């Protein structure tokens, strides 16, 4: 009985190693756009630039309307795992809080003015959320009246593959200060 179990364990182990990914070829880290790391890096950096510009523009507009921006930051985070551990892809995430905004009425025209499309409104626990996306970036504004007179802004870029050798450098970057 021990031999069949040992043989089965070997088959399972070999099957698992076939799923492992070095971020360059095969497995879950295949570059979805058929590009090399430089092109992937360029797309992630482009999302970083666009997301930062969107947050700064929204904050400047809401500040002109009497809002007080706080905690405006952005950074890369993992968006897809690599087996057995690690990150196969990163996305850029920017966020900010704007105090002194009582509802989403002031935010809606600012979101519409981004040129990403018409924002859609949805209910969230305790409040409302406006969201707009152009496929590359998703921008949200959330207000929960019971929490106070503020709006939370979020911008998320696309999920871009990274080589296993580069994952730590993407995640170790210092957060960006997106204060206008």
Protein backbone atom coordinates (compact mmCIF):
# COMPACT_ATOMS: atom_id res chain seq x y z
CA UNK A 1 0.00 0.00 0.00
CA UNK A 2 2.83 2.40 0.62
CA UNK A 3 4.08 2.35 -2.96
CA UNK A 4 0.83 3.53 -4.58
CA UNK A 5 0.55 6.35 -2.04
CA UNK A 6 4.18 7.37 -2.63
CA UNK A 7 3.61 7.21 -6.38
CA UNK A 8 0.49 9.34 -6.05
CA UNK A 9 2.38 11.88 -3.94
CA UNK A 10 5.08 12.07 -6.61
CA UNK A 11 2.47 12.63 -9.35
CA UNK A 12 0.79 15.36 -7.28
CA UNK A 13 4.15 17.00 -6.55
CA UNK A 14 5.13 16.96 -10.22
CA UNK A 15 1.73 18.37 -11.15
CA UNK A 16 2.14 21.20 -8.67
CA UNK A 17 5.57 22.14 -9.94
CA UNK A 18 4.03 22.49 -13.40
CA UNK A 19 1.78 25.19 -11.93
CA UNK A 20 4.68 27.13 -10.47
CA UNK A 21 5.49 30.34 -12.22
CA UNK A 22 8.71 32.22 -12.72
CA UNK A 23 6.93 35.24 -14.22
CA UNK A 24 8.57 34.85 -17.62
CA UNK A 25 6.95 31.91 -19.37
CA UNK A 26 4.18 29.43 -18.67
CA UNK A 27 1.83 29.40 -15.73
CA UNK A 28 -0.26 32.26 -14.47
CA UNK A 29 2.41 34.91 -15.05
CA UNK A 30 2.21 34.86 -18.84
CA UNK A 31 2.08 38.39 -20.10
CA UNK A 32 -1.44 38.88 -21.32
CA UNK A 33 -0.41 41.42 -23.92
CA UNK A 34 2.45 39.35 -25.36
CA UNK A 35 4.94 42.02 -24.34
CA UNK A 36 8.17 42.02 -22.47
CA UNK A 37 8.69 43.45 -18.99
CA UNK A 38 9.46 46.95 -20.29
CA UNK A 39 6.06 47.27 -21.97
CA UNK A 40 4.31 45.90 -18.88
CA UNK A 41 6.27 48.32 -16.72
CA UNK A 42 5.30 51.15 -19.03
CA UNK A 43 1.59 50.30 -18.77
CA UNK A 44 1.75 50.17 -14.96
CA UNK A 45 3.62 53.49 -14.85
CA UNK A 46 1.06 55.02 -17.23
CA UNK A 47 -1.72 53.96 -14.84
CA UNK A 48 0.24 55.50 -11.98
CA UNK A 49 0.51 58.81 -13.84
CA UNK A 50 -3.15 58.83 -14.91
CA UNK A 51 -4.43 57.85 -11.45
CA UNK A 52 -2.31 60.54 -9.78
CA UNK A 53 -3.57 63.16 -12.24
CA UNK A 54 -7.20 62.10 -11.67
CA UNK A 55 -6.87 62.31 -7.88
CA UNK A 56 -5.12 65.69 -8.02
CA UNK A 57 -7.74 67.08 -10.44
CA UNK A 58 -10.63 65.83 -8.30
CA UNK A 59 -9.05 67.17 -5.13
CA UNK A 60 -8.33 70.57 -6.65
CA UNK A 61 -11.92 70.83 -7.90
CA UNK A 62 -13.44 69.73 -4.60
CA UNK A 63 -11.09 72.06 -2.74
CA UNK A 64 -12.39 74.93 -4.86
CA UNK A 65 -15.89 73.88 -3.72
CA UNK A 66 -14.85 74.13 -0.05
CA UNK A 67 -13.58 70.59 0.54
CA UNK A 68 -10.42 69.91 2.52
CA UNK A 69 -8.31 67.08 1.05
CA UNK A 70 -6.45 64.78 3.43
CA UNK A 71 -4.60 61.49 3.15
CA UNK A 72 -4.05 61.62 -0.62
CA UNK A 73 -1.70 58.75 -1.46
CA UNK A 74 -1.08 56.16 -4.13
CA UNK A 75 0.94 52.97 -4.39
CA UNK A 76 1.24 49.65 -6.17
CA UNK A 77 -0.27 46.50 -4.70
CA UNK A 78 -0.51 42.90 -5.81
CA UNK A 79 -3.62 42.04 -7.80
CA UNK A 80 -2.88 38.43 -8.76
CA UNK A 81 -0.89 35.86 -6.83
CA UNK A 82 1.90 33.64 -8.04
CA UNK A 83 2.12 30.09 -6.70
CA UNK A 84 3.60 29.09 -4.27
CA UNK A 85 3.93 32.63 -2.97
CA UNK A 86 4.45 36.01 -4.46
CA UNK A 87 2.80 38.44 -6.80
CA UNK A 88 2.26 37.80 -10.50
CA UNK A 89 0.74 41.21 -11.25
CA UNK A 90 0.43 44.70 -9.76
CA UNK A 91 -2.09 47.50 -9.95
CA UNK A 92 -1.82 51.13 -8.92
CA UNK A 93 -4.26 52.28 -6.24
CA UNK A 94 -4.77 55.90 -5.23
CA UNK A 95 -7.04 57.15 -2.48
CA UNK A 96 -7.96 60.35 -0.72
CA UNK A 97 -10.37 61.71 1.83
CA UNK A 98 -12.08 65.05 1.31
CA UNK A 99 -13.52 66.59 4.47
CA UNK A 100 -16.30 69.16 4.36
CA UNK A 101 -18.29 67.44 1.59
CA UNK A 102 -21.81 66.62 2.79
CA UNK A 103 -22.97 64.54 -0.19
CA UNK A 104 -22.01 63.35 -3.66
CA UNK A 105 -23.77 66.22 -5.47
CA UNK A 106 -20.54 68.23 -5.72
CA UNK A 107 -18.54 65.16 -6.76
CA UNK A 108 -20.79 63.96 -9.63
CA UNK A 109 -19.96 66.78 -12.09
CA UNK A 110 -16.25 66.44 -11.25
CA UNK A 111 -16.35 62.71 -12.05
CA UNK A 112 -18.29 63.33 -15.26
CA UNK A 113 -15.69 65.92 -16.25
CA UNK A 114 -12.88 63.36 -16.20
CA UNK A 115 -13.82 62.13 -19.67
CA UNK A 116 -14.10 58.52 -18.53
CA UNK A 117 -17.84 58.25 -19.08
CA UNK A 118 -20.99 58.93 -17.10
CA UNK A 119 -20.73 57.97 -13.41
CA UNK A 120 -23.18 55.41 -12.08
CA UNK A 121 -24.60 55.55 -8.56
CA UNK A 122 -25.05 52.54 -6.28
CA UNK A 123 -26.06 52.02 -2.69
CA UNK A 124 -23.39 50.88 -0.26
CA UNK A 125 -23.90 50.05 3.41
CA UNK A 126 -24.75 53.35 5.07
CA UNK A 127 -24.42 55.52 1.97
CA UNK A 128 -23.94 55.92 -1.77
CA UNK A 129 -21.11 55.43 -4.24
CA UNK A 130 -20.46 56.99 -7.62
CA UNK A 131 -18.24 55.05 -10.00
CA UNK A 132 -16.88 55.61 -13.49
CA UNK A 133 -14.51 53.46 -15.52
CA UNK A 134 -12.92 53.56 -18.94
CA UNK A 135 -11.52 50.04 -18.77
CA UNK A 136 -8.07 51.26 -17.73
CA UNK A 137 -8.99 53.18 -14.60
CA UNK A 138 -11.89 52.85 -12.19
CA UNK A 139 -12.71 55.93 -10.13
CA UNK A 140 -15.06 55.85 -7.12
CA UNK A 141 -16.41 58.40 -4.68
CA UNK A 142 -18.16 57.14 -1.55
CA UNK A 143 -20.15 59.06 1.05
CA UNK A 144 -21.65 57.60 4.22
CA UNK A 145 -23.65 60.34 5.97
CA UNK A 146 -23.60 58.70 9.40
CA UNK A 147 -19.79 58.62 9.31
CA UNK A 148 -19.47 62.38 8.83
CA UNK A 149 -19.15 65.14 6.26
CA UNK A 150 -16.48 63.63 4.03
CA UNK A 151 -16.09 61.71 0.77
CA UNK A 152 -13.61 58.93 0.09
CA UNK A 153 -12.08 58.87 -3.38
CA UNK A 154 -10.47 55.81 -4.93
CA UNK A 155 -8.75 55.19 -8.26
CA UNK A 156 -7.61 51.73 -9.36
CA UNK A 157 -5.56 51.03 -12.47
CA UNK A 158 -5.33 47.84 -14.50
CA UNK A 159 -3.72 44.61 -13.31
CA UNK A 160 -0.30 44.30 -15.03
CA UNK A 161 1.93 41.20 -15.01
CA UNK A 162 5.38 41.48 -13.47
CA UNK A 163 8.35 39.13 -13.59
CA UNK A 164 9.04 37.18 -10.41
CA UNK A 165 12.41 38.90 -10.14
CA UNK A 166 10.72 42.33 -10.15
CA UNK A 167 7.80 41.77 -7.76
CA UNK A 168 9.61 43.03 -4.66
CA UNK A 169 10.77 46.23 -6.34
CA UNK A 170 7.19 47.09 -7.41
CA UNK A 171 5.77 46.51 -3.94
CA UNK A 172 8.63 48.15 -2.03
CA UNK A 173 8.17 51.58 -3.62
CA UNK A 174 7.37 54.41 -1.26
CA UNK A 175 3.78 55.69 -1.49
CA UNK A 176 3.18 58.73 -3.68
CA UNK A 177 1.91 61.92 -2.06
CA UNK A 178 -1.00 63.00 -4.30
CA UNK A 179 -1.89 66.19 -2.44
CA UNK A 180 -2.61 68.92 -5.04
